[in-house]
C-alpha atoms as a PDB file:
ATOM      1  CA  MET A   1     -17.656 -23.127 -54.579  1.00  0.00           C
ATOM      2  CA  PRO A   2     -14.557 -20.902 -54.752  1.00  0.00           C
ATOM      3  CA  GLU A   3     -14.197 -18.037 -52.302  1.00  0.00           C
ATOM      4  CA  ALA A   4     -14.536 -14.553 -53.649  1.00  0.00           C
ATOM      5  CA  PRO A   5     -11.214 -12.650 -53.612  1.00  0.00           C
ATOM      6  CA  VAL A   6     -12.871  -9.749 -51.790  1.00  0.00           C
ATOM      7  CA  ALA A   7     -14.075 -11.997 -48.969  1.00  0.00           C
ATOM      8  CA  HIS A   8     -10.622 -13.542 -48.635  1.00  0.00           C
ATOM      9  CA  SER A   9      -8.892 -10.141 -48.430  1.00  0.00           C
ATOM     10  CA  GLU A  10     -11.493  -8.900 -45.931  1.00  0.00           C
ATOM     11  CA  LEU A  11     -10.917 -11.969 -43.792  1.00  0.00           C
ATOM     12  CA  ALA A  12      -7.154 -11.420 -43.959  1.00  0.00           C
ATOM     13  CA  ALA A  13      -7.613  -7.751 -42.992  1.00  0.00           C
ATOM     14  CA  LEU A  14      -9.860  -8.668 -40.059  1.00  0.00           C
ATOM     15  CA  THR A  15      -7.433 -11.351 -38.923  1.00  0.00           C
ATOM     16  CA  GLY A  16      -4.548  -8.881 -39.118  1.00  0.00           C
ATOM     17  CA  ARG A  17      -6.507  -6.289 -37.161  1.00  0.00           C
ATOM     18  CA  PHE A  18      -7.418  -8.869 -34.524  1.00  0.00           C
ATOM     19  CA  GLU A  19      -3.755  -9.852 -34.150  1.00  0.00           C
ATOM     20  CA  GLU A  20      -2.700  -6.197 -33.780  1.00  0.00           C
ATOM     21  CA  VAL A  21      -5.313  -5.599 -31.088  1.00  0.00           C
ATOM     22  CA  ALA A  22      -4.381  -8.846 -29.327  1.00  0.00           C
ATOM     23  CA  GLU A  23      -0.679  -7.848 -29.258  1.00  0.00           C
ATOM     24  CA  LYS A  24      -1.517  -4.388 -27.953  1.00  0.00           C
ATOM     25  CA  THR A  25      -3.812  -5.878 -25.302  1.00  0.00           C
ATOM     26  CA  ASP A  26      -1.096  -8.333 -24.257  1.00  0.00           C
ATOM     27  CA  ARG A  27       1.416  -5.478 -23.870  1.00  0.00           C
ATOM     28  CA  GLU A  28      -1.057  -3.383 -21.890  1.00  0.00           C
ATOM     29  CA  PHE A  29      -1.944  -6.371 -19.714  1.00  0.00           C
ATOM     30  CA  GLY A  30       1.769  -6.939 -19.073  1.00  0.00           C
ATOM     31  CA  ILE A  31       2.182  -3.304 -18.026  1.00  0.00           C
ATOM     32  CA  ILE A  32      -0.826  -3.512 -15.704  1.00  0.00           C
ATOM     33  CA  LYS A  33       0.448  -6.775 -14.213  1.00  0.00           C
ATOM     34  CA  SER A  34       3.868  -5.216 -13.622  1.00  0.00           C
ATOM     35  CA  ASP A  35       2.320  -2.140 -12.006  1.00  0.00           C
ATOM     36  CA  LEU A  36       0.136  -4.336  -9.806  1.00  0.00           C
ATOM     37  CA  THR A  37       3.183  -6.275  -8.642  1.00  0.00           C
ATOM     38  CA  ALA A  38       4.920  -3.008  -7.740  1.00  0.00           C
ATOM     39  CA  VAL A  39       1.867  -1.813  -5.809  1.00  0.00           C
ATOM     40  CA  ARG A  40       1.701  -5.094  -3.901  1.00  0.00           C
ATOM     41  CA  LEU A  41       5.353  -4.723  -2.893  1.00  0.00           C
ATOM     42  CA  GLN A  42       4.754  -1.161  -1.740  1.00  0.00           C
ATOM     43  CA  VAL A  43       1.698  -2.207   0.293  1.00  0.00           C
ATOM     44  CA  GLY A  44       3.759  -4.967   1.913  1.00  0.00           C
ATOM     45  CA  ASN A  45       6.474  -2.465   2.796  1.00  0.00           C
ATOM     46  CA  LEU A  46       3.849  -0.071   4.131  1.00  0.00           C
ATOM     47  CA  ASP A  47       2.422  -2.811   6.379  1.00  0.00           C
ATOM     48  CA  GLN A  48       5.881  -3.407   7.845  1.00  0.00           C
ATOM     49  CA  LYS A  49       6.412   0.311   8.420  1.00  0.00           C
ATOM     50  CA  VAL A  50       3.021   0.644  10.135  1.00  0.00           C
ATOM     51  CA  ASP A  51       3.865  -2.283  12.423  1.00  0.00           C
ATOM     52  CA  ARG A  52       7.167  -0.664  13.401  1.00  0.00           C
ATOM     53  CA  LEU A  53       5.442   2.681  13.907  1.00  0.00           C
ATOM     54  CA  GLU A  54       2.842   1.094  16.198  1.00  0.00           C
ATOM     55  CA  GLY A  55       5.662  -0.317  18.335  1.00  0.00           C
ATOM     56  CA  ARG A  56       7.362   3.061  18.512  1.00  0.00           C
ATOM     57  CA  ILE A  57       4.104   4.797  19.450  1.00  0.00           C
ATOM     58  CA  GLU A  58       3.497   2.276  22.217  1.00  0.00           C
ATOM     59  CA  GLY A  59       7.014   2.856  23.548  1.00  0.00           C
ATOM     60  CA  LEU A  60       6.485   6.606  23.389  1.00  0.00           C
ATOM     61  CA  GLY A  61       3.231   6.277  25.351  1.00  0.00           C
ATOM     62  CA  GLN A  62       5.012   4.295  28.047  1.00  0.00           C
ATOM     63  CA  LYS A  63       7.776   6.882  28.230  1.00  0.00           C
ATOM     64  CA  MET A  64       5.203   9.675  28.537  1.00  0.00           C
ATOM     65  CA  ASP A  65       3.500   7.799  31.380  1.00  0.00           C
ATOM     66  CA  ARG A  66       6.833   7.444  33.214  1.00  0.00           C
ATOM     67  CA  ASN A  67       7.646  11.118  32.689  1.00  0.00           C
ATOM     68  CA  GLN A  68       4.212  12.169  33.898  1.00  0.00           C
ATOM     69  CA  ALA A  69       4.626  10.014  37.029  1.00  0.00           C
ATOM     70  CA  GLN A  70       8.016  11.622  37.676  1.00  0.00           C
ATOM     71  CA  ILE A  71       6.548  15.110  37.261  1.00  0.00           C
ATOM     72  CA  VAL A  72       3.754  14.320  39.732  1.00  0.00           C
ATOM     73  CA  GLU A  73       6.300  12.929  42.183  1.00  0.00           C
ATOM     74  CA  LEU A  74       8.543  15.984  41.874  1.00  0.00           C
ATOM     75  CA  LEU A  75       5.639  18.403  42.248  1.00  0.00           C
ATOM     76  CA  THR A  76       4.413  16.447  45.274  1.00  0.00           C
ATOM     77  CA  ARG A  77       7.824  16.785  46.903  1.00  0.00           C
ATOM     78  CA  LEU A  78       7.923  20.462  46.038  1.00  0.00           C
ATOM     79  CA  VAL A  79       4.507  21.176  47.503  1.00  0.00           C
ATOM     80  CA  GLY A  80       4.759  18.564  50.251  1.00  0.00           C
ATOM     81  CA  GLN A  81       1.325  17.076  49.718  1.00  0.00           C
ATOM     82  CA  ASP A  82       0.011  13.688  48.647  1.00  0.00           C
ATOM     83  CA  PRO A  83      -1.773  14.132  45.267  1.00  0.00           C
ATOM     84  CA  ASN A  84      -4.025  11.175  46.084  1.00  0.00           C
ATOM     85  CA  ALA A  85      -5.228  12.645  49.383  1.00  0.00           C
ATOM     86  CA  GLY A  86      -8.808  13.939  49.225  1.00  0.00           C
END
């Protein structure tokens, strides 16, 4: 039984529409994949920066402790009393 010309043209139109949508979806997927790769790189860089910042904060805390100890020592000398004495 021969196909009706209308059915054949409808099938061709649907196939064409499917191919257009598939191409658009592929492009959009490529854009999303590219953006995701960029975000992953930025997160990796952020992790490295946070690690460095943690090290700097720790060093700053140690420096503050040393400075505080020096201040207590200087004030103790100035006043002439032991800060640990009851």
